[in-house]
Amino acid sequence: MTADPTADLIRALVTHMQGAPDDWKSLAMVISLGGGRLSETSGYAYSPDGTVSAIASRPSQIKPAVDAYLADRYPEGAALPAKFLVQFDRDTKAYEITFEDTDPMRWKVTPDTFEAVQQELKPTLG
């Protein structure tokens, strides 16, 4: 059986996710790449009762899965995206991955934008 880099990536994010309550239903995690290297993760877990929790996964813990995923999607030497968004629904196992090739400010959370970004990133999968 061959490894599935996408499944491995999602599994790594979930396994190493910090900040989510046990009852989370879906997640949205932004993985930022600086100079082609994993630099940070941030996002939200969404619970059935409407609670939104800030989450992150330690980059050093997910780096192997991120590297394998990117190697599977991009030929060696190709320009990597500035960041990408992983959305996952725990119940349906549906996911979507959105790439941002050039704008490192996309999905950036600030005091003025955090509520809008929480809603923008909320998965609507399935």
N, C-alpha and C. Protein backbone atom coordinates (compact mmCIF):
# COMPACT_ATOMS: atom_id res chain seq x y z
N MET A 1 0.85 -1.18 0.00
CA MET A 1 0.00 0.00 0.00
C MET A 1 0.89 1.24 0.00
N THR A 2 0.61 2.17 -0.88
CA THR A 2 1.42 3.39 -0.94
C THR A 2 0.87 4.41 0.04
N ALA A 3 1.76 5.23 0.53
CA ALA A 3 1.37 6.28 1.46
C ALA A 3 0.60 7.35 0.71
N ASP A 4 -0.35 7.95 1.38
CA ASP A 4 -1.12 9.06 0.82
C ASP A 4 -0.64 10.32 1.52
N PRO A 5 0.15 11.16 0.83
CA PRO A 5 0.69 12.36 1.48
C PRO A 5 -0.39 13.30 2.02
N THR A 6 -1.55 13.36 1.36
CA THR A 6 -2.61 14.23 1.85
C THR A 6 -3.18 13.70 3.16
N ALA A 7 -3.47 12.41 3.21
CA ALA A 7 -3.98 11.82 4.45
C ALA A 7 -2.95 11.94 5.57
N ASP A 8 -1.68 11.73 5.23
CA ASP A 8 -0.62 11.85 6.24
C ASP A 8 -0.52 13.28 6.76
N LEU A 9 -0.68 14.26 5.88
CA LEU A 9 -0.64 15.66 6.29
C LEU A 9 -1.78 15.96 7.26
N ILE A 10 -3.00 15.58 6.90
CA ILE A 10 -4.15 15.85 7.76
C ILE A 10 -4.00 15.12 9.09
N ARG A 11 -3.54 13.87 9.05
CA ARG A 11 -3.32 13.11 10.28
C ARG A 11 -2.30 13.81 11.17
N ALA A 12 -1.22 14.31 10.60
CA ALA A 12 -0.19 15.01 11.38
C ALA A 12 -0.75 16.29 12.01
N LEU A 13 -1.53 17.04 11.24
CA LEU A 13 -2.12 18.27 11.78
C LEU A 13 -3.03 17.96 12.97
N VAL A 14 -3.87 16.95 12.82
CA VAL A 14 -4.80 16.58 13.89
C VAL A 14 -4.06 16.03 15.10
N THR A 15 -3.10 15.15 14.86
CA THR A 15 -2.35 14.53 15.95
C THR A 15 -1.61 15.57 16.79
N HIS A 16 -1.06 16.58 16.14
CA HIS A 16 -0.22 17.56 16.84
C HIS A 16 -0.93 18.89 17.10
N MET A 17 -2.23 18.92 16.87
CA MET A 17 -3.01 20.14 17.06
C MET A 17 -3.09 20.49 18.54
N GLN A 18 -2.89 21.75 18.84
CA GLN A 18 -3.00 22.24 20.21
C GLN A 18 -4.07 23.33 20.25
N GLY A 19 -4.88 23.33 21.31
CA GLY A 19 -5.86 24.37 21.50
C GLY A 19 -7.30 23.98 21.20
N ALA A 20 -7.51 22.79 20.63
CA ALA A 20 -8.86 22.37 20.25
C ALA A 20 -9.53 21.60 21.38
N PRO A 21 -10.83 21.83 21.58
CA PRO A 21 -11.56 21.00 22.54
C PRO A 21 -11.76 19.59 21.97
N ASP A 22 -12.08 18.65 22.82
CA ASP A 22 -12.26 17.26 22.38
C ASP A 22 -13.39 17.10 21.37
N ASP A 23 -14.40 17.97 21.43
CA ASP A 23 -15.60 17.80 20.59
C ASP A 23 -15.53 18.55 19.26
N TRP A 24 -14.35 18.99 18.83
CA TRP A 24 -14.28 19.76 17.58
C TRP A 24 -14.84 18.94 16.43
N LYS A 25 -15.50 19.65 15.51
CA LYS A 25 -16.12 18.99 14.35
C LYS A 25 -15.31 19.22 13.08
N SER A 26 -14.77 20.41 12.94
CA SER A 26 -13.99 20.72 11.74
C SER A 26 -12.84 21.64 12.12
N LEU A 27 -11.88 21.71 11.21
CA LEU A 27 -10.74 22.59 11.45
C LEU A 27 -10.33 23.28 10.16
N ALA A 28 -9.67 24.40 10.35
CA ALA A 28 -9.05 25.13 9.25
C ALA A 28 -7.68 25.55 9.75
N MET A 29 -6.64 25.07 9.08
CA MET A 29 -5.28 25.37 9.50
C MET A 29 -4.51 25.97 8.33
N VAL A 30 -3.92 27.14 8.59
CA VAL A 30 -3.08 27.81 7.60
C VAL A 30 -1.64 27.42 7.88
N ILE A 31 -0.97 26.92 6.85
CA ILE A 31 0.43 26.52 6.95
C ILE A 31 1.24 27.53 6.14
N SER A 32 2.06 28.29 6.84
CA SER A 32 2.84 29.34 6.19
C SER A 32 4.24 28.85 5.88
N LEU A 33 4.70 29.20 4.69
CA LEU A 33 6.03 28.83 4.24
C LEU A 33 6.83 30.11 4.02
N GLY A 34 7.97 30.21 4.66
CA GLY A 34 8.85 31.35 4.45
C GLY A 34 10.08 30.88 3.72
N GLY A 35 10.32 31.39 2.54
CA GLY A 35 11.48 30.97 1.76
C GLY A 35 11.45 29.48 1.43
N GLY A 36 10.23 28.95 1.24
CA GLY A 36 10.09 27.55 0.91
C GLY A 36 10.19 26.60 2.10
N ARG A 37 10.24 27.19 3.31
CA ARG A 37 10.34 26.37 4.52
C ARG A 37 9.14 26.61 5.41
N LEU A 38 8.71 25.58 6.10
CA LEU A 38 7.60 25.67 7.03
C LEU A 38 7.96 26.66 8.13
N SER A 39 7.17 27.74 8.26
CA SER A 39 7.51 28.75 9.25
C SER A 39 6.50 28.84 10.39
N GLU A 40 5.21 28.63 10.11
CA GLU A 40 4.24 28.67 11.20
C GLU A 40 2.93 28.03 10.77
N THR A 41 2.13 27.70 11.78
CA THR A 41 0.79 27.20 11.55
C THR A 41 -0.16 27.97 12.47
N SER A 42 -1.37 28.18 11.99
CA SER A 42 -2.39 28.80 12.83
C SER A 42 -3.74 28.51 12.20
N GLY A 43 -4.76 28.52 13.03
CA GLY A 43 -6.08 28.26 12.49
C GLY A 43 -7.11 28.17 13.57
N TYR A 44 -8.21 27.48 13.22
CA TYR A 44 -9.34 27.39 14.13
C TYR A 44 -9.94 25.99 14.09
N ALA A 45 -10.45 25.57 15.25
CA ALA A 45 -11.27 24.37 15.35
C ALA A 45 -12.69 24.84 15.63
N TYR A 46 -13.64 24.22 14.98
CA TYR A 46 -15.04 24.59 15.09
C TYR A 46 -15.80 23.46 15.76
N SER A 47 -16.50 23.78 16.86
CA SER A 47 -17.26 22.78 17.61
C SER A 47 -18.73 22.82 17.21
N PRO A 48 -19.46 21.72 17.44
CA PRO A 48 -20.88 21.67 17.07
C PRO A 48 -21.72 22.76 17.72
N ASP A 49 -21.34 23.22 18.92
CA ASP A 49 -22.13 24.24 19.61
C ASP A 49 -21.82 25.66 19.14
N GLY A 50 -20.96 25.77 18.13
CA GLY A 50 -20.61 27.09 17.60
C GLY A 50 -19.34 27.68 18.17
N THR A 51 -18.75 27.02 19.14
CA THR A 51 -17.50 27.50 19.71
C THR A 51 -16.38 27.44 18.67
N VAL A 52 -15.60 28.51 18.60
CA VAL A 52 -14.45 28.56 17.71
C VAL A 52 -13.21 28.69 18.59
N SER A 53 -12.26 27.79 18.41
CA SER A 53 -11.05 27.76 19.23
C SER A 53 -9.83 27.99 18.35
N ALA A 54 -8.91 28.85 18.80
CA ALA A 54 -7.66 29.06 18.08
C ALA A 54 -6.79 27.81 18.24
N ILE A 55 -6.19 27.36 17.14
CA ILE A 55 -5.36 26.16 17.16
C ILE A 55 -4.05 26.40 16.44
N ALA A 56 -3.12 25.51 16.66
CA ALA A 56 -1.85 25.49 15.94
C ALA A 56 -1.26 24.10 16.07
N SER A 57 -0.35 23.77 15.20
CA SER A 57 0.45 22.56 15.31
C SER A 57 1.91 22.98 15.26
N ARG A 58 2.71 22.45 16.16
CA ARG A 58 4.13 22.83 16.20
C ARG A 58 4.79 22.45 14.88
N PRO A 59 5.40 23.41 14.18
CA PRO A 59 6.00 23.12 12.88
C PRO A 59 6.97 21.95 12.88
N SER A 60 7.79 21.81 13.92
CA SER A 60 8.77 20.72 13.93
C SER A 60 8.09 19.35 13.97
N GLN A 61 6.88 19.28 14.51
CA GLN A 61 6.18 18.00 14.60
C GLN A 61 5.48 17.61 13.30
N ILE A 62 5.14 18.58 12.47
CA ILE A 62 4.42 18.28 11.23
C ILE A 62 5.30 18.42 10.00
N LYS A 63 6.53 18.88 10.18
CA LYS A 63 7.42 19.14 9.04
C LYS A 63 7.57 17.95 8.10
N PRO A 64 7.79 16.73 8.60
CA PRO A 64 7.93 15.61 7.66
C PRO A 64 6.69 15.43 6.77
N ALA A 65 5.50 15.57 7.35
CA ALA A 65 4.27 15.40 6.57
C ALA A 65 4.08 16.55 5.58
N VAL A 66 4.41 17.77 5.99
CA VAL A 66 4.31 18.92 5.09
C VAL A 66 5.29 18.76 3.93
N ASP A 67 6.54 18.39 4.25
CA ASP A 67 7.55 18.21 3.20
C ASP A 67 7.13 17.14 2.20
N ALA A 68 6.61 16.02 2.70
CA ALA A 68 6.19 14.93 1.81
C ALA A 68 5.00 15.37 0.95
N TYR A 69 4.07 16.11 1.53
CA TYR A 69 2.90 16.58 0.78
C TYR A 69 3.35 17.52 -0.34
N LEU A 70 4.20 18.50 0.00
CA LEU A 70 4.67 19.45 -1.01
C LEU A 70 5.49 18.75 -2.09
N ALA A 71 6.32 17.79 -1.71
CA ALA A 71 7.12 17.05 -2.69
C ALA A 71 6.23 16.27 -3.65
N ASP A 72 5.08 15.82 -3.17
CA ASP A 72 4.13 15.08 -4.00
C ASP A 72 3.40 16.01 -4.97
N ARG A 73 3.25 17.27 -4.61
CA ARG A 73 2.46 18.22 -5.41
C ARG A 73 3.30 19.12 -6.32
N TYR A 74 4.55 19.34 -5.94
CA TYR A 74 5.40 20.27 -6.68
C TYR A 74 6.66 19.55 -7.14
N PRO A 75 7.02 19.69 -8.42
CA PRO A 75 8.27 19.08 -8.89
C PRO A 75 9.47 19.73 -8.17
N GLU A 76 10.52 18.96 -8.03
CA GLU A 76 11.72 19.48 -7.38
C GLU A 76 12.18 20.75 -8.07
N GLY A 77 12.46 21.79 -7.29
CA GLY A 77 12.91 23.05 -7.83
C GLY A 77 11.80 24.02 -8.17
N ALA A 78 10.55 23.57 -8.14
CA ALA A 78 9.42 24.46 -8.44
C ALA A 78 9.19 25.42 -7.28
N ALA A 79 8.66 26.59 -7.61
CA ALA A 79 8.33 27.56 -6.58
C ALA A 79 7.18 27.02 -5.72
N LEU A 80 7.37 27.08 -4.42
CA LEU A 80 6.33 26.64 -3.50
C LEU A 80 5.39 27.79 -3.17
N PRO A 81 4.18 27.49 -2.71
CA PRO A 81 3.25 28.56 -2.36
C PRO A 81 3.74 29.33 -1.13
N ALA A 82 3.20 30.53 -0.93
CA ALA A 82 3.52 31.31 0.26
C ALA A 82 2.90 30.65 1.49
N LYS A 83 1.72 30.07 1.29
CA LYS A 83 1.02 29.37 2.36
C LYS A 83 -0.08 28.54 1.77
N PHE A 84 -0.63 27.65 2.57
CA PHE A 84 -1.80 26.92 2.11
C PHE A 84 -2.73 26.64 3.29
N LEU A 85 -4.00 26.49 2.95
CA LEU A 85 -5.07 26.31 3.92
C LEU A 85 -5.57 24.87 3.82
N VAL A 86 -5.60 24.18 4.96
CA VAL A 86 -6.16 22.84 5.03
C VAL A 86 -7.46 22.92 5.82
N GLN A 87 -8.55 22.52 5.18
CA GLN A 87 -9.85 22.46 5.84
C GLN A 87 -10.26 21.00 5.91
N PHE A 88 -10.78 20.58 7.07
CA PHE A 88 -11.10 19.18 7.29
C PHE A 88 -12.34 19.06 8.16
N ASP A 89 -13.25 18.18 7.74
CA ASP A 89 -14.45 17.88 8.52
C ASP A 89 -14.26 16.51 9.16
N ARG A 90 -14.29 16.48 10.46
CA ARG A 90 -13.99 15.26 11.21
C ARG A 90 -15.04 14.17 10.99
N ASP A 91 -16.30 14.55 10.85
CA ASP A 91 -17.38 13.56 10.70
C ASP A 91 -17.39 12.92 9.32
N THR A 92 -17.32 13.74 8.30
CA THR A 92 -17.43 13.22 6.93
C THR A 92 -16.08 12.83 6.33
N LYS A 93 -14.99 13.26 6.99
CA LYS A 93 -13.61 13.05 6.51
C LYS A 93 -13.35 13.82 5.21
N ALA A 94 -14.23 14.76 4.88
CA ALA A 94 -14.03 15.59 3.70
C ALA A 94 -12.96 16.63 4.00
N TYR A 95 -12.22 16.99 2.96
CA TYR A 95 -11.18 18.01 3.14
C TYR A 95 -11.06 18.84 1.87
N GLU A 96 -10.44 19.99 2.04
CA GLU A 96 -10.11 20.84 0.90
C GLU A 96 -8.80 21.53 1.24
N ILE A 97 -7.93 21.67 0.25
CA ILE A 97 -6.66 22.36 0.44
C ILE A 97 -6.58 23.46 -0.60
N THR A 98 -6.37 24.68 -0.11
CA THR A 98 -6.31 25.86 -0.97
C THR A 98 -4.91 26.46 -0.88
N PHE A 99 -4.32 26.70 -2.04
CA PHE A 99 -2.97 27.26 -2.09
C PHE A 99 -3.01 28.76 -2.33
N GLU A 100 -2.13 29.48 -1.66
CA GLU A 100 -1.91 30.90 -1.92
C GLU A 100 -0.46 31.01 -2.41
N ASP A 101 -0.32 31.30 -3.70
CA ASP A 101 1.01 31.26 -4.29
C ASP A 101 1.88 32.46 -3.94
N THR A 102 1.29 33.66 -3.81
CA THR A 102 2.14 34.84 -3.70
C THR A 102 1.85 35.77 -2.53
N ASP A 103 0.65 35.80 -2.00
CA ASP A 103 0.27 36.80 -0.99
C ASP A 103 0.44 36.26 0.43
N PRO A 104 1.55 36.59 1.10
CA PRO A 104 1.75 36.08 2.46
C PRO A 104 0.77 36.69 3.47
N MET A 105 0.05 37.73 3.09
CA MET A 105 -0.90 38.36 4.01
C MET A 105 -2.30 37.74 3.94
N ARG A 106 -2.53 36.88 2.95
CA ARG A 106 -3.84 36.23 2.86
C ARG A 106 -4.08 35.40 4.13
N TRP A 107 -5.28 35.46 4.65
CA TRP A 107 -5.70 34.74 5.85
C TRP A 107 -4.99 35.24 7.10
N LYS A 108 -4.36 36.41 7.03
CA LYS A 108 -3.65 36.97 8.18
C LYS A 108 -4.66 37.45 9.21
N VAL A 109 -4.47 37.04 10.44
CA VAL A 109 -5.37 37.43 11.52
C VAL A 109 -4.79 38.64 12.25
N THR A 110 -5.61 39.67 12.38
CA THR A 110 -5.26 40.86 13.15
C THR A 110 -6.44 41.14 14.10
N PRO A 111 -6.26 42.04 15.05
CA PRO A 111 -7.40 42.37 15.92
C PRO A 111 -8.63 42.86 15.15
N ASP A 112 -8.40 43.49 14.00
CA ASP A 112 -9.52 43.99 13.20
C ASP A 112 -10.14 42.93 12.30
N THR A 113 -9.42 41.84 12.03
CA THR A 113 -9.92 40.86 11.06
C THR A 113 -10.23 39.49 11.63
N PHE A 114 -9.96 39.26 12.92
CA PHE A 114 -10.04 37.88 13.41
C PHE A 114 -11.43 37.27 13.26
N GLU A 115 -12.50 38.04 13.48
CA GLU A 115 -13.84 37.46 13.35
C GLU A 115 -14.16 37.13 11.89
N ALA A 116 -13.78 38.01 10.98
CA ALA A 116 -14.02 37.76 9.56
C ALA A 116 -13.21 36.56 9.07
N VAL A 117 -11.96 36.45 9.51
CA VAL A 117 -11.12 35.34 9.10
C VAL A 117 -11.65 34.02 9.67
N GLN A 118 -12.13 34.05 10.91
CA GLN A 118 -12.72 32.83 11.49
C GLN A 118 -13.86 32.31 10.60
N GLN A 119 -14.70 33.22 10.13
CA GLN A 119 -15.82 32.82 9.29
C GLN A 119 -15.37 32.43 7.88
N GLU A 120 -14.40 33.17 7.34
CA GLU A 120 -13.90 32.86 5.99
C GLU A 120 -13.26 31.47 5.94
N LEU A 121 -12.56 31.10 6.98
CA LEU A 121 -11.84 29.83 6.99
C LEU A 121 -12.72 28.64 7.37
N LYS A 122 -13.88 28.89 7.95
CA LYS A 122 -14.74 27.79 8.42
C LYS A 122 -15.09 26.85 7.25
N PRO A 123 -14.78 25.58 7.42
CA PRO A 123 -15.05 24.62 6.35
C PRO A 123 -16.55 24.48 6.05
N THR A 124 -16.87 24.45 4.76
CA THR A 124 -18.23 24.12 4.31
C THR A 124 -18.06 22.97 3.31
N LEU A 125 -17.76 21.82 3.84
CA LEU A 125 -17.42 20.65 3.03
C LEU A 125 -18.55 19.64 3.05
N GLY A 126 -18.53 18.76 2.07
CA GLY A 126 -19.49 17.67 2.06
C GLY A 126 -20.69 18.04 1.33
